[in-house]
Amino acid sequence: KIQFRKRAKLDKIAAKAKEQGSITNDQVEKLLRVSDATASRYLAQLTKTGRLRLVGKSKAARYIPVQ
């Protein structure tokens, strides 16, 4: 059940990134109402699984969907 909820959140992040062209950590925090650390963890997982790609560093970091 927990896996299902987490997967739904990850899918929501990926869909939003695709819709906008990219997504930031702040946008994930607002979208899912989660902490900075949780948003970072979700984005790291999506990057690791190859659904998003990190572009830029620190404040300018954005995540773009992988085609």
N, C-alpha and C. Protein backbone atom coordinates (compact mmCIF):
# COMPACT_ATOMS: atom_id res chain seq x y z
N LYS A 1 0.83 -1.20 0.00
CA LYS A 1 0.00 0.00 0.00
C LYS A 1 0.87 1.26 0.00
N ILE A 2 1.91 1.27 0.79
CA ILE A 2 2.82 2.42 0.84
C ILE A 2 3.52 2.57 -0.50
N GLN A 3 3.98 1.46 -1.08
CA GLN A 3 4.63 1.50 -2.39
C GLN A 3 3.71 2.12 -3.43
N PHE A 4 2.43 1.75 -3.37
CA PHE A 4 1.45 2.24 -4.33
C PHE A 4 1.32 3.76 -4.23
N ARG A 5 1.23 4.28 -2.99
CA ARG A 5 1.11 5.73 -2.78
C ARG A 5 2.36 6.46 -3.28
N LYS A 6 3.51 5.88 -2.99
CA LYS A 6 4.77 6.50 -3.40
C LYS A 6 4.87 6.52 -4.93
N ARG A 7 4.50 5.41 -5.55
CA ARG A 7 4.55 5.34 -7.01
C ARG A 7 3.61 6.38 -7.62
N ALA A 8 2.45 6.58 -7.01
CA ALA A 8 1.49 7.57 -7.50
C ALA A 8 2.11 8.97 -7.43
N LYS A 9 2.82 9.25 -6.34
CA LYS A 9 3.47 10.56 -6.20
C LYS A 9 4.58 10.74 -7.23
N LEU A 10 5.37 9.69 -7.44
CA LEU A 10 6.45 9.76 -8.42
C LEU A 10 5.87 9.97 -9.83
N ASP A 11 4.76 9.29 -10.12
CA ASP A 11 4.10 9.46 -11.43
C ASP A 11 3.59 10.89 -11.60
N LYS A 12 3.08 11.45 -10.50
CA LYS A 12 2.56 12.83 -10.53
C LYS A 12 3.70 13.81 -10.83
N ILE A 13 4.86 13.60 -10.21
CA ILE A 13 6.02 14.46 -10.45
C ILE A 13 6.46 14.35 -11.91
N ALA A 14 6.57 13.12 -12.40
CA ALA A 14 7.01 12.90 -13.78
C ALA A 14 6.03 13.52 -14.78
N ALA A 15 4.73 13.40 -14.51
CA ALA A 15 3.72 13.97 -15.40
C ALA A 15 3.81 15.49 -15.43
N LYS A 16 4.00 16.10 -14.26
CA LYS A 16 4.11 17.56 -14.18
C LYS A 16 5.36 18.04 -14.91
N ALA A 17 6.46 17.31 -14.76
CA ALA A 17 7.71 17.67 -15.44
C ALA A 17 7.52 17.62 -16.95
N LYS A 18 6.81 16.60 -17.42
CA LYS A 18 6.58 16.44 -18.85
C LYS A 18 5.68 17.58 -19.36
N GLU A 19 4.66 17.90 -18.59
CA GLU A 19 3.71 18.96 -18.96
C GLU A 19 4.41 20.32 -19.06
N GLN A 20 5.28 20.62 -18.09
CA GLN A 20 5.96 21.93 -18.04
C GLN A 20 7.27 21.96 -18.80
N GLY A 21 7.82 20.79 -19.09
CA GLY A 21 9.12 20.74 -19.74
C GLY A 21 10.24 20.51 -18.76
N SER A 22 10.03 20.90 -17.49
CA SER A 22 11.01 20.65 -16.42
C SER A 22 10.32 20.90 -15.08
N ILE A 23 11.00 20.51 -14.01
CA ILE A 23 10.45 20.72 -12.67
C ILE A 23 11.60 20.97 -11.69
N THR A 24 11.34 21.78 -10.68
CA THR A 24 12.35 22.07 -9.66
C THR A 24 11.95 21.44 -8.33
N ASN A 25 12.89 21.41 -7.41
CA ASN A 25 12.63 20.87 -6.08
C ASN A 25 11.49 21.66 -5.41
N ASP A 26 11.51 22.98 -5.52
CA ASP A 26 10.47 23.82 -4.93
C ASP A 26 9.09 23.48 -5.48
N GLN A 27 9.01 23.25 -6.77
CA GLN A 27 7.73 22.92 -7.39
C GLN A 27 7.20 21.59 -6.88
N VAL A 28 8.11 20.63 -6.65
CA VAL A 28 7.70 19.32 -6.11
C VAL A 28 7.18 19.50 -4.68
N GLU A 29 7.87 20.32 -3.88
CA GLU A 29 7.42 20.59 -2.50
C GLU A 29 5.98 21.11 -2.50
N LYS A 30 5.70 22.08 -3.37
CA LYS A 30 4.37 22.68 -3.43
C LYS A 30 3.33 21.72 -4.01
N LEU A 31 3.73 20.98 -5.04
CA LEU A 31 2.82 20.04 -5.71
C LEU A 31 2.32 18.95 -4.75
N LEU A 32 3.25 18.39 -3.97
CA LEU A 32 2.90 17.26 -3.09
C LEU A 32 2.77 17.65 -1.62
N ARG A 33 3.06 18.93 -1.31
CA ARG A 33 3.06 19.41 0.08
C ARG A 33 3.97 18.56 0.95
N VAL A 34 5.23 18.46 0.51
CA VAL A 34 6.23 17.69 1.27
C VAL A 34 7.42 18.58 1.61
N SER A 35 8.30 18.08 2.48
CA SER A 35 9.48 18.84 2.88
C SER A 35 10.52 18.88 1.76
N ASP A 36 11.49 19.74 1.93
CA ASP A 36 12.59 19.86 0.98
C ASP A 36 13.31 18.53 0.82
N ALA A 37 13.59 17.87 1.92
CA ALA A 37 14.32 16.60 1.90
C ALA A 37 13.53 15.51 1.16
N THR A 38 12.22 15.46 1.41
CA THR A 38 11.38 14.46 0.75
C THR A 38 11.32 14.72 -0.75
N ALA A 39 11.17 15.98 -1.13
CA ALA A 39 11.14 16.35 -2.56
C ALA A 39 12.45 15.94 -3.22
N SER A 40 13.56 16.19 -2.54
CA SER A 40 14.88 15.82 -3.08
C SER A 40 14.99 14.31 -3.26
N ARG A 41 14.47 13.58 -2.28
CA ARG A 41 14.51 12.11 -2.33
C ARG A 41 13.70 11.57 -3.51
N TYR A 42 12.51 12.13 -3.71
CA TYR A 42 11.67 11.71 -4.83
C TYR A 42 12.36 12.01 -6.17
N LEU A 43 12.93 13.21 -6.28
CA LEU A 43 13.61 13.58 -7.53
C LEU A 43 14.84 12.71 -7.77
N ALA A 44 15.56 12.39 -6.70
CA ALA A 44 16.74 11.52 -6.82
C ALA A 44 16.32 10.14 -7.32
N GLN A 45 15.21 9.64 -6.81
CA GLN A 45 14.73 8.32 -7.22
C GLN A 45 14.31 8.33 -8.70
N LEU A 46 13.63 9.38 -9.12
CA LEU A 46 13.22 9.48 -10.52
C LEU A 46 14.43 9.61 -11.44
N THR A 47 15.48 10.28 -10.96
CA THR A 47 16.71 10.42 -11.73
C THR A 47 17.41 9.07 -11.84
N LYS A 48 17.47 8.35 -10.72
CA LYS A 48 18.12 7.04 -10.67
C LYS A 48 17.44 6.02 -11.58
N THR A 49 16.12 6.09 -11.65
CA THR A 49 15.38 5.15 -12.49
C THR A 49 15.32 5.60 -13.96
N GLY A 50 15.89 6.77 -14.25
CA GLY A 50 15.99 7.22 -15.63
C GLY A 50 14.75 7.93 -16.18
N ARG A 51 13.86 8.36 -15.30
CA ARG A 51 12.65 9.06 -15.77
C ARG A 51 12.88 10.57 -15.89
N LEU A 52 13.82 11.09 -15.08
CA LEU A 52 14.17 12.51 -15.15
C LEU A 52 15.69 12.64 -15.25
N ARG A 53 16.14 13.81 -15.75
CA ARG A 53 17.57 14.07 -15.81
C ARG A 53 17.86 15.42 -15.17
N LEU A 54 18.87 15.46 -14.32
CA LEU A 54 19.25 16.69 -13.63
C LEU A 54 20.02 17.62 -14.56
N VAL A 55 19.61 18.88 -14.57
CA VAL A 55 20.29 19.90 -15.38
C VAL A 55 20.60 21.07 -14.46
N GLY A 56 21.86 21.48 -14.39
CA GLY A 56 22.24 22.58 -13.54
C GLY A 56 22.66 22.12 -12.15
N LYS A 57 23.10 23.08 -11.32
CA LYS A 57 23.56 22.76 -9.98
C LYS A 57 22.88 23.65 -8.94
N SER A 58 22.82 23.17 -7.73
CA SER A 58 22.25 23.85 -6.55
C SER A 58 20.97 24.63 -6.86
N LYS A 59 20.96 25.94 -6.70
CA LYS A 59 19.75 26.75 -6.86
C LYS A 59 19.15 26.68 -8.28
N ALA A 60 20.01 26.52 -9.27
CA ALA A 60 19.55 26.51 -10.67
C ALA A 60 19.17 25.11 -11.15
N ALA A 61 19.18 24.14 -10.25
CA ALA A 61 18.90 22.75 -10.64
C ALA A 61 17.47 22.58 -11.12
N ARG A 62 17.34 21.93 -12.25
CA ARG A 62 16.02 21.59 -12.81
C ARG A 62 16.07 20.13 -13.24
N TYR A 63 14.93 19.52 -13.27
CA TYR A 63 14.86 18.13 -13.70
C TYR A 63 14.00 18.08 -14.95
N ILE A 64 14.55 17.51 -16.02
CA ILE A 64 13.81 17.44 -17.27
C ILE A 64 13.44 15.98 -17.55
N PRO A 65 12.28 15.78 -18.19
CA PRO A 65 11.88 14.40 -18.50
C PRO A 65 12.77 13.79 -19.57
N VAL A 66 13.03 12.51 -19.43
CA VAL A 66 13.85 11.79 -20.41
C VAL A 66 12.90 11.19 -21.44
N GLN A 67 13.21 11.42 -22.71
CA GLN A 67 12.33 10.95 -23.79
C GLN A 67 12.40 9.45 -23.94
